[in-house]
Amino acid sequence: MSKIDDADSGPEIDRVIHEPSRLRIMAQLYVVDAADFIFLMTQLGMTWGNLSSHMSKLEDAEYIEVQKEFLNKKPRTILKLTQKGRKAFMEYRKAMDQVFKGIPD
């Protein structure tokens, strides 16, 4: 896992999650048990290739689980957060809260 860590700059930030598209994927998956690839692609306004690329990075980090199945003889890809991914997302949220806590309105 790649993290931004500098004692003078505040909390450790997970770079895998910090990338905007991956952050949006993680946020979508955090609030559901699982989501269909096509649903996510539509919800996030991403292309097939873009979502697939970010999905691979999240899968390599073991933050998401990818399940492939057939529904009415058509392939279907389901994504869901792993326990590690859920924990990493919660830690990311806490770290970002700390970053913003010290900034005046």
N, C-alpha and C. Protein backbone atom coordinates (compact mmCIF):
# COMPACT_ATOMS: atom_id res chain seq x y z
N MET A 1 0.85 -1.16 0.00
CA MET A 1 0.00 0.00 0.00
C MET A 1 0.90 1.23 0.00
N SER A 2 0.59 2.16 -0.86
CA SER A 2 1.36 3.38 -0.99
C SER A 2 0.67 4.47 -0.19
N LYS A 3 1.42 5.09 0.72
CA LYS A 3 0.84 6.13 1.55
C LYS A 3 1.71 7.36 1.53
N ILE A 4 1.08 8.51 1.69
CA ILE A 4 1.78 9.77 1.85
C ILE A 4 2.04 9.88 3.34
N ASP A 5 3.31 10.01 3.73
CA ASP A 5 3.62 10.07 5.15
C ASP A 5 4.79 11.02 5.38
N ASP A 6 4.52 12.11 6.01
CA ASP A 6 5.53 13.09 6.37
C ASP A 6 5.11 13.63 7.73
N ALA A 7 5.96 13.46 8.71
CA ALA A 7 5.61 13.85 10.08
C ALA A 7 5.15 15.31 10.15
N ASP A 8 5.70 16.18 9.32
CA ASP A 8 5.34 17.59 9.34
C ASP A 8 4.06 17.89 8.58
N SER A 9 3.61 16.97 7.73
CA SER A 9 2.46 17.26 6.89
C SER A 9 1.14 16.70 7.43
N GLY A 10 1.17 16.04 8.55
CA GLY A 10 -0.07 15.53 9.13
C GLY A 10 -0.22 14.03 9.00
N PRO A 11 -1.48 13.56 8.96
CA PRO A 11 -1.74 12.12 8.96
C PRO A 11 -1.33 11.43 7.67
N GLU A 12 -1.17 10.14 7.77
CA GLU A 12 -0.83 9.30 6.63
C GLU A 12 -2.05 9.17 5.72
N ILE A 13 -1.86 9.43 4.41
CA ILE A 13 -2.96 9.37 3.43
C ILE A 13 -2.68 8.22 2.46
N ASP A 14 -3.63 7.34 2.31
CA ASP A 14 -3.51 6.19 1.41
C ASP A 14 -3.63 6.66 -0.04
N ARG A 15 -2.54 6.58 -0.81
CA ARG A 15 -2.53 7.06 -2.20
C ARG A 15 -3.39 6.22 -3.12
N VAL A 16 -3.56 4.96 -2.80
CA VAL A 16 -4.41 4.11 -3.64
C VAL A 16 -5.83 4.66 -3.63
N ILE A 17 -6.33 5.01 -2.46
CA ILE A 17 -7.68 5.54 -2.33
C ILE A 17 -7.74 7.01 -2.72
N HIS A 18 -6.69 7.75 -2.49
CA HIS A 18 -6.69 9.21 -2.66
C HIS A 18 -6.93 9.66 -4.10
N GLU A 19 -6.61 8.83 -5.08
CA GLU A 19 -6.85 9.20 -6.48
C GLU A 19 -8.36 9.38 -6.66
N PRO A 20 -8.81 10.51 -7.24
CA PRO A 20 -10.24 10.84 -7.26
C PRO A 20 -11.18 9.75 -7.79
N SER A 21 -10.84 9.10 -8.88
CA SER A 21 -11.74 8.07 -9.42
C SER A 21 -11.83 6.88 -8.47
N ARG A 22 -10.70 6.48 -7.90
CA ARG A 22 -10.73 5.34 -6.96
C ARG A 22 -11.46 5.72 -5.68
N LEU A 23 -11.34 6.96 -5.25
CA LEU A 23 -12.07 7.42 -4.07
C LEU A 23 -13.57 7.32 -4.32
N ARG A 24 -14.01 7.71 -5.49
CA ARG A 24 -15.43 7.64 -5.83
C ARG A 24 -15.91 6.19 -5.89
N ILE A 25 -15.09 5.29 -6.43
CA ILE A 25 -15.45 3.87 -6.48
C ILE A 25 -15.58 3.33 -5.06
N MET A 26 -14.59 3.62 -4.23
CA MET A 26 -14.60 3.14 -2.85
C MET A 26 -15.82 3.68 -2.10
N ALA A 27 -16.14 4.95 -2.30
CA ALA A 27 -17.29 5.56 -1.61
C ALA A 27 -18.59 4.89 -2.04
N GLN A 28 -18.72 4.60 -3.33
CA GLN A 28 -19.92 3.91 -3.82
C GLN A 28 -20.04 2.52 -3.20
N LEU A 29 -18.93 1.80 -3.17
CA LEU A 29 -18.96 0.43 -2.66
C LEU A 29 -19.10 0.38 -1.14
N TYR A 30 -18.71 1.44 -0.45
CA TYR A 30 -18.78 1.48 1.00
C TYR A 30 -20.23 1.42 1.50
N VAL A 31 -21.16 1.95 0.72
CA VAL A 31 -22.55 2.06 1.18
C VAL A 31 -23.45 0.92 0.69
N VAL A 32 -22.88 -0.03 -0.05
CA VAL A 32 -23.67 -1.17 -0.54
C VAL A 32 -22.93 -2.47 -0.25
N ASP A 33 -23.64 -3.57 -0.32
CA ASP A 33 -22.98 -4.87 -0.15
C ASP A 33 -22.11 -5.20 -1.35
N ALA A 34 -22.63 -4.91 -2.55
CA ALA A 34 -21.91 -5.19 -3.79
C ALA A 34 -22.57 -4.36 -4.89
N ALA A 35 -21.83 -4.17 -5.99
CA ALA A 35 -22.38 -3.40 -7.12
C ALA A 35 -21.93 -4.02 -8.43
N ASP A 36 -22.81 -3.97 -9.40
CA ASP A 36 -22.55 -4.44 -10.75
C ASP A 36 -21.63 -3.43 -11.46
N PHE A 37 -20.70 -3.94 -12.26
CA PHE A 37 -19.74 -3.12 -13.00
C PHE A 37 -20.46 -2.07 -13.84
N ILE A 38 -21.49 -2.47 -14.57
CA ILE A 38 -22.22 -1.54 -15.45
C ILE A 38 -22.91 -0.45 -14.62
N PHE A 39 -23.48 -0.83 -13.49
CA PHE A 39 -24.11 0.14 -12.59
C PHE A 39 -23.08 1.17 -12.14
N LEU A 40 -21.91 0.71 -11.67
CA LEU A 40 -20.87 1.63 -11.23
C LEU A 40 -20.40 2.54 -12.37
N MET A 41 -20.20 1.97 -13.52
CA MET A 41 -19.75 2.74 -14.68
C MET A 41 -20.74 3.87 -14.97
N THR A 42 -22.02 3.56 -14.92
CA THR A 42 -23.06 4.55 -15.18
C THR A 42 -23.13 5.58 -14.06
N GLN A 43 -23.15 5.13 -12.83
CA GLN A 43 -23.24 6.03 -11.68
C GLN A 43 -22.08 7.02 -11.63
N LEU A 44 -20.89 6.55 -11.97
CA LEU A 44 -19.68 7.36 -11.85
C LEU A 44 -19.34 8.10 -13.14
N GLY A 45 -20.05 7.80 -14.23
CA GLY A 45 -19.78 8.46 -15.49
C GLY A 45 -18.39 8.13 -16.04
N MET A 46 -17.96 6.91 -15.81
CA MET A 46 -16.64 6.47 -16.27
C MET A 46 -16.78 5.59 -17.51
N THR A 47 -15.70 5.50 -18.27
CA THR A 47 -15.68 4.59 -19.41
C THR A 47 -15.37 3.19 -18.90
N TRP A 48 -15.62 2.20 -19.76
CA TRP A 48 -15.33 0.81 -19.40
C TRP A 48 -13.85 0.67 -19.06
N GLY A 49 -12.98 1.19 -19.91
CA GLY A 49 -11.53 1.05 -19.70
C GLY A 49 -11.05 1.77 -18.46
N ASN A 50 -11.60 2.95 -18.19
CA ASN A 50 -11.18 3.72 -17.03
C ASN A 50 -11.57 3.01 -15.74
N LEU A 51 -12.82 2.57 -15.66
CA LEU A 51 -13.27 1.84 -14.47
C LEU A 51 -12.49 0.55 -14.30
N SER A 52 -12.26 -0.15 -15.39
CA SER A 52 -11.52 -1.41 -15.34
C SER A 52 -10.10 -1.19 -14.81
N SER A 53 -9.45 -0.14 -15.25
CA SER A 53 -8.08 0.18 -14.82
C SER A 53 -8.04 0.47 -13.31
N HIS A 54 -8.95 1.30 -12.84
CA HIS A 54 -8.98 1.63 -11.41
C HIS A 54 -9.40 0.43 -10.58
N MET A 55 -10.30 -0.37 -11.12
CA MET A 55 -10.74 -1.59 -10.45
C MET A 55 -9.54 -2.52 -10.22
N SER A 56 -8.67 -2.63 -11.23
CA SER A 56 -7.49 -3.49 -11.11
C SER A 56 -6.56 -3.02 -10.01
N LYS A 57 -6.37 -1.71 -9.90
CA LYS A 57 -5.49 -1.17 -8.84
C LYS A 57 -6.08 -1.45 -7.46
N LEU A 58 -7.39 -1.30 -7.33
CA LEU A 58 -8.04 -1.57 -6.05
C LEU A 58 -8.01 -3.06 -5.73
N GLU A 59 -8.14 -3.89 -6.74
CA GLU A 59 -8.07 -5.34 -6.54
C GLU A 59 -6.65 -5.75 -6.16
N ASP A 60 -5.63 -5.16 -6.80
CA ASP A 60 -4.24 -5.46 -6.46
C ASP A 60 -3.92 -5.09 -5.01
N ALA A 61 -4.55 -4.02 -4.52
CA ALA A 61 -4.36 -3.59 -3.13
C ALA A 61 -5.20 -4.43 -2.17
N GLU A 62 -6.00 -5.34 -2.71
CA GLU A 62 -6.91 -6.19 -1.93
C GLU A 62 -7.99 -5.39 -1.23
N TYR A 63 -8.39 -4.27 -1.85
CA TYR A 63 -9.45 -3.42 -1.30
C TYR A 63 -10.81 -3.82 -1.84
N ILE A 64 -10.83 -4.43 -3.03
CA ILE A 64 -12.10 -4.91 -3.58
C ILE A 64 -11.96 -6.35 -4.02
N GLU A 65 -13.09 -7.01 -4.07
CA GLU A 65 -13.18 -8.38 -4.58
C GLU A 65 -14.00 -8.30 -5.86
N VAL A 66 -13.54 -8.97 -6.89
CA VAL A 66 -14.25 -8.98 -8.17
C VAL A 66 -14.77 -10.38 -8.43
N GLN A 67 -16.07 -10.49 -8.63
CA GLN A 67 -16.70 -11.77 -8.91
C GLN A 67 -17.30 -11.73 -10.31
N LYS A 68 -16.99 -12.74 -11.10
CA LYS A 68 -17.54 -12.82 -12.45
C LYS A 68 -18.53 -13.97 -12.48
N GLU A 69 -19.68 -13.71 -13.08
CA GLU A 69 -20.73 -14.71 -13.15
C GLU A 69 -21.50 -14.53 -14.45
N PHE A 70 -22.43 -15.41 -14.70
CA PHE A 70 -23.30 -15.28 -15.86
C PHE A 70 -24.73 -15.11 -15.38
N LEU A 71 -25.43 -14.18 -16.01
CA LEU A 71 -26.84 -13.94 -15.72
C LEU A 71 -27.58 -14.01 -17.05
N ASN A 72 -28.44 -15.00 -17.19
CA ASN A 72 -29.14 -15.24 -18.47
C ASN A 72 -28.14 -15.35 -19.63
N LYS A 73 -27.09 -16.11 -19.39
CA LYS A 73 -26.04 -16.39 -20.38
C LYS A 73 -25.21 -15.17 -20.78
N LYS A 74 -25.31 -14.09 -20.00
CA LYS A 74 -24.51 -12.90 -20.26
C LYS A 74 -23.53 -12.71 -19.10
N PRO A 75 -22.28 -12.35 -19.41
CA PRO A 75 -21.31 -12.15 -18.33
C PRO A 75 -21.68 -10.93 -17.47
N ARG A 76 -21.40 -11.08 -16.20
CA ARG A 76 -21.70 -10.01 -15.23
C ARG A 76 -20.54 -9.94 -14.25
N THR A 77 -20.08 -8.72 -13.97
CA THR A 77 -18.99 -8.51 -13.03
C THR A 77 -19.53 -7.77 -11.82
N ILE A 78 -19.29 -8.33 -10.65
CA ILE A 78 -19.75 -7.76 -9.39
C ILE A 78 -18.51 -7.33 -8.59
N LEU A 79 -18.57 -6.12 -8.02
CA LEU A 79 -17.49 -5.61 -7.19
C LEU A 79 -18.00 -5.41 -5.78
N LYS A 80 -17.14 -5.71 -4.81
CA LYS A 80 -17.50 -5.45 -3.42
C LYS A 80 -16.24 -5.15 -2.63
N LEU A 81 -16.39 -4.36 -1.59
CA LEU A 81 -15.25 -4.07 -0.73
C LEU A 81 -14.89 -5.30 0.09
N THR A 82 -13.61 -5.51 0.27
CA THR A 82 -13.15 -6.55 1.19
C THR A 82 -13.12 -5.93 2.59
N GLN A 83 -12.91 -6.74 3.59
CA GLN A 83 -12.76 -6.21 4.95
C GLN A 83 -11.57 -5.23 5.00
N LYS A 84 -10.48 -5.61 4.33
CA LYS A 84 -9.30 -4.74 4.27
C LYS A 84 -9.66 -3.41 3.60
N GLY A 85 -10.44 -3.45 2.54
CA GLY A 85 -10.85 -2.25 1.83
C GLY A 85 -11.75 -1.37 2.67
N ARG A 86 -12.68 -2.00 3.39
CA ARG A 86 -13.59 -1.25 4.26
C ARG A 86 -12.79 -0.54 5.37
N LYS A 87 -11.84 -1.26 5.95
CA LYS A 87 -11.00 -0.68 7.00
C LYS A 87 -10.14 0.45 6.44
N ALA A 88 -9.56 0.25 5.27
CA ALA A 88 -8.71 1.27 4.65
C ALA A 88 -9.52 2.53 4.34
N PHE A 89 -10.77 2.35 3.89
CA PHE A 89 -11.61 3.50 3.58
C PHE A 89 -11.96 4.27 4.86
N MET A 90 -12.26 3.57 5.94
CA MET A 90 -12.56 4.23 7.20
C MET A 90 -11.33 5.00 7.70
N GLU A 91 -10.15 4.40 7.58
CA GLU A 91 -8.92 5.07 8.00
C GLU A 91 -8.64 6.29 7.12
N TYR A 92 -8.92 6.18 5.84
CA TYR A 92 -8.75 7.30 4.92
C TYR A 92 -9.66 8.46 5.33
N ARG A 93 -10.92 8.15 5.63
CA ARG A 93 -11.86 9.19 6.06
C ARG A 93 -11.38 9.88 7.33
N LYS A 94 -10.90 9.12 8.28
CA LYS A 94 -10.39 9.70 9.53
C LYS A 94 -9.19 10.60 9.26
N ALA A 95 -8.29 10.14 8.40
CA ALA A 95 -7.10 10.93 8.07
C ALA A 95 -7.49 12.24 7.39
N MET A 96 -8.46 12.18 6.48
CA MET A 96 -8.89 13.39 5.79
C MET A 96 -9.62 14.33 6.75
N ASP A 97 -10.37 13.79 7.70
CA ASP A 97 -11.01 14.63 8.73
C ASP A 97 -9.94 15.39 9.50
N GLN A 98 -8.84 14.72 9.83
CA GLN A 98 -7.75 15.37 10.56
C GLN A 98 -7.12 16.48 9.72
N VAL A 99 -6.97 16.23 8.44
CA VAL A 99 -6.38 17.24 7.54
C VAL A 99 -7.25 18.49 7.54
N PHE A 100 -8.57 18.32 7.42
CA PHE A 100 -9.47 19.46 7.31
C PHE A 100 -9.80 20.11 8.65
N LYS A 101 -9.58 19.39 9.74
CA LYS A 101 -9.93 19.91 11.06
C LYS A 101 -9.20 21.22 11.39
N GLY A 102 -7.95 21.31 10.98
CA GLY A 102 -7.15 22.49 11.33
C GLY A 102 -7.29 23.66 10.37
N ILE A 103 -8.14 23.53 9.35
CA ILE A 103 -8.29 24.61 8.38
C ILE A 103 -9.46 25.50 8.78
N PRO A 104 -9.19 26.80 8.94
CA PRO A 104 -10.31 27.71 9.32
C PRO A 104 -11.31 27.88 8.18
N ASP A 105 -12.54 28.22 8.54
CA ASP A 105 -13.60 28.45 7.53
C ASP A 105 -13.34 29.71 6.72
